[in-house]
Amino acid sequence: MSQLNGGELAAGETALKAIGADPALPKNVRAEATYHLASRAAEAGRAADVKKFADEVSKLDATGSWARRATMLLASQPVTA
């Protein structure tokens, strides 16, 4: 997150993807990293990526708080034709 906040967007997203994909880490940590990817995608207007990352969060930790946040984020996206 510090990379993202410091303006290093590509490096920050790469780090979050690595965390989200690391099976050695706890599921809630992986879900949080993937949620932040969904949030960044929403800010950038990348609806397909928002859905992809939100779905991944739900797969990682379906009953966790990050899955609830991802569901709300996905529901807040504009409807596309």
C-alpha atoms as a PDB file:
ATOM      1  CA  MET A   1       0.000   0.000   0.000  1.00  0.00           C
ATOM      2  CA  SER A   2       2.871   2.368   0.685  1.00  0.00           C
ATOM      3  CA  GLN A   3       3.988   2.016  -2.921  1.00  0.00           C
ATOM      4  CA  LEU A   4       0.498   2.888  -4.149  1.00  0.00           C
ATOM      5  CA  ASN A   5       0.228   5.822  -1.780  1.00  0.00           C
ATOM      6  CA  GLY A   6       3.671   6.979  -2.872  1.00  0.00           C
ATOM      7  CA  GLY A   7       2.650   7.024  -6.524  1.00  0.00           C
ATOM      8  CA  GLU A   8       4.373   3.810  -7.555  1.00  0.00           C
ATOM      9  CA  LEU A   9       1.185   2.358  -9.029  1.00  0.00           C
ATOM     10  CA  ALA A  10       2.637  -0.443 -11.149  1.00  0.00           C
ATOM     11  CA  ALA A  11       4.927  -1.666  -8.356  1.00  0.00           C
ATOM     12  CA  GLY A  12       2.123  -1.454  -5.808  1.00  0.00           C
ATOM     13  CA  GLU A  13      -0.303  -3.429  -7.949  1.00  0.00           C
ATOM     14  CA  THR A  14       2.373  -6.030  -8.675  1.00  0.00           C
ATOM     15  CA  ALA A  15       3.020  -6.427  -4.946  1.00  0.00           C
ATOM     16  CA  LEU A  16      -0.697  -6.762  -4.189  1.00  0.00           C
ATOM     17  CA  LYS A  17      -1.081  -9.392  -6.917  1.00  0.00           C
ATOM     18  CA  ALA A  18       1.843 -11.341  -5.443  1.00  0.00           C
ATOM     19  CA  ILE A  19       0.310 -11.214  -1.965  1.00  0.00           C
ATOM     20  CA  GLY A  20      -3.101 -12.249  -3.287  1.00  0.00           C
ATOM     21  CA  ALA A  21      -1.622 -15.219  -5.122  1.00  0.00           C
ATOM     22  CA  ASP A  22       0.610 -16.499  -2.304  1.00  0.00           C
ATOM     23  CA  PRO A  23      -1.005 -19.648  -0.843  1.00  0.00           C
ATOM     24  CA  ALA A  24       1.400 -19.539   2.114  1.00  0.00           C
ATOM     25  CA  LEU A  25      -0.312 -16.403   3.429  1.00  0.00           C
ATOM     26  CA  PRO A  26      -3.539 -16.428   5.446  1.00  0.00           C
ATOM     27  CA  LYS A  27      -6.702 -16.189   3.358  1.00  0.00           C
ATOM     28  CA  ASN A  28      -7.792 -12.925   4.961  1.00  0.00           C
ATOM     29  CA  VAL A  29      -4.464 -11.283   4.044  1.00  0.00           C
ATOM     30  CA  ARG A  30      -4.786 -12.515   0.469  1.00  0.00           C
ATOM     31  CA  ALA A  31      -8.403 -11.322   0.354  1.00  0.00           C
ATOM     32  CA  GLU A  32      -7.433  -7.864   1.611  1.00  0.00           C
ATOM     33  CA  ALA A  33      -4.723  -7.491  -1.035  1.00  0.00           C
ATOM     34  CA  THR A  34      -7.128  -8.588  -3.755  1.00  0.00           C
ATOM     35  CA  TYR A  35      -9.809  -6.214  -2.456  1.00  0.00           C
ATOM     36  CA  HIS A  36      -7.362  -3.328  -2.791  1.00  0.00           C
ATOM     37  CA  LEU A  37      -6.756  -4.384  -6.397  1.00  0.00           C
ATOM     38  CA  ALA A  38     -10.533  -4.269  -6.973  1.00  0.00           C
ATOM     39  CA  SER A  39     -10.691  -0.843  -5.374  1.00  0.00           C
ATOM     40  CA  ARG A  40      -7.862   0.468  -7.564  1.00  0.00           C
ATOM     41  CA  ALA A  41      -9.607  -0.946 -10.623  1.00  0.00           C
ATOM     42  CA  ALA A  42     -12.813   0.841  -9.619  1.00  0.00           C
ATOM     43  CA  GLU A  43     -10.948   4.135  -9.272  1.00  0.00           C
ATOM     44  CA  ALA A  44      -9.503   3.614 -12.754  1.00  0.00           C
ATOM     45  CA  GLY A  45     -12.883   2.742 -14.287  1.00  0.00           C
ATOM     46  CA  ARG A  46     -11.882  -0.830 -15.130  1.00  0.00           C
ATOM     47  CA  ALA A  47     -15.226  -2.559 -14.498  1.00  0.00           C
ATOM     48  CA  ALA A  48     -14.138  -5.969 -15.784  1.00  0.00           C
ATOM     49  CA  ASP A  49     -11.183  -5.975 -13.380  1.00  0.00           C
ATOM     50  CA  VAL A  50     -13.412  -4.894 -10.493  1.00  0.00           C
ATOM     51  CA  LYS A  51     -15.611  -7.934 -11.113  1.00  0.00           C
ATOM     52  CA  LYS A  52     -12.629 -10.267 -11.538  1.00  0.00           C
ATOM     53  CA  PHE A  53     -10.961  -9.146  -8.319  1.00  0.00           C
ATOM     54  CA  ALA A  54     -14.216  -8.997  -6.331  1.00  0.00           C
ATOM     55  CA  ASP A  55     -15.019 -12.561  -7.387  1.00  0.00           C
ATOM     56  CA  GLU A  56     -11.540 -13.657  -6.333  1.00  0.00           C
ATOM     57  CA  VAL A  57     -11.972 -12.029  -2.905  1.00  0.00           C
ATOM     58  CA  SER A  58     -15.206 -13.976  -2.430  1.00  0.00           C
ATOM     59  CA  LYS A  59     -13.475 -17.217  -3.403  1.00  0.00           C
ATOM     60  CA  LEU A  60     -10.627 -16.591  -0.968  1.00  0.00           C
ATOM     61  CA  ASP A  61     -12.728 -15.725   2.090  1.00  0.00           C
ATOM     62  CA  ALA A  62     -16.448 -15.911   1.324  1.00  0.00           C
ATOM     63  CA  THR A  63     -17.623 -15.023   4.826  1.00  0.00           C
ATOM     64  CA  GLY A  64     -14.988 -12.423   5.679  1.00  0.00           C
ATOM     65  CA  SER A  65     -15.263  -8.668   5.875  1.00  0.00           C
ATOM     66  CA  TRP A  66     -13.206  -8.201   2.701  1.00  0.00           C
ATOM     67  CA  ALA A  67     -15.717 -10.272   0.734  1.00  0.00           C
ATOM     68  CA  ARG A  68     -18.537  -8.085   2.056  1.00  0.00           C
ATOM     69  CA  ARG A  69     -16.616  -4.965   1.056  1.00  0.00           C
ATOM     70  CA  ALA A  70     -15.896  -6.417  -2.384  1.00  0.00           C
ATOM     71  CA  THR A  71     -19.586  -7.193  -2.867  1.00  0.00           C
ATOM     72  CA  MET A  72     -20.507  -3.615  -1.950  1.00  0.00           C
ATOM     73  CA  LEU A  73     -17.812  -2.261  -4.262  1.00  0.00           C
ATOM     74  CA  LEU A  74     -19.076  -4.394  -7.122  1.00  0.00           C
ATOM     75  CA  ALA A  75     -22.667  -3.319  -6.490  1.00  0.00           C
ATOM     76  CA  SER A  76     -21.623   0.349  -6.587  1.00  0.00           C
ATOM     77  CA  GLN A  77     -20.228   0.059 -10.101  1.00  0.00           C
ATOM     78  CA  PRO A  78     -22.178   1.564 -12.994  1.00  0.00           C
ATOM     79  CA  VAL A  79     -24.236  -0.850 -15.033  1.00  0.00           C
ATOM     80  CA  THR A  80     -22.709  -1.508 -18.426  1.00  0.00           C
ATOM     81  CA  ALA A  81     -24.678  -2.495 -21.508  1.00  0.00           C
END
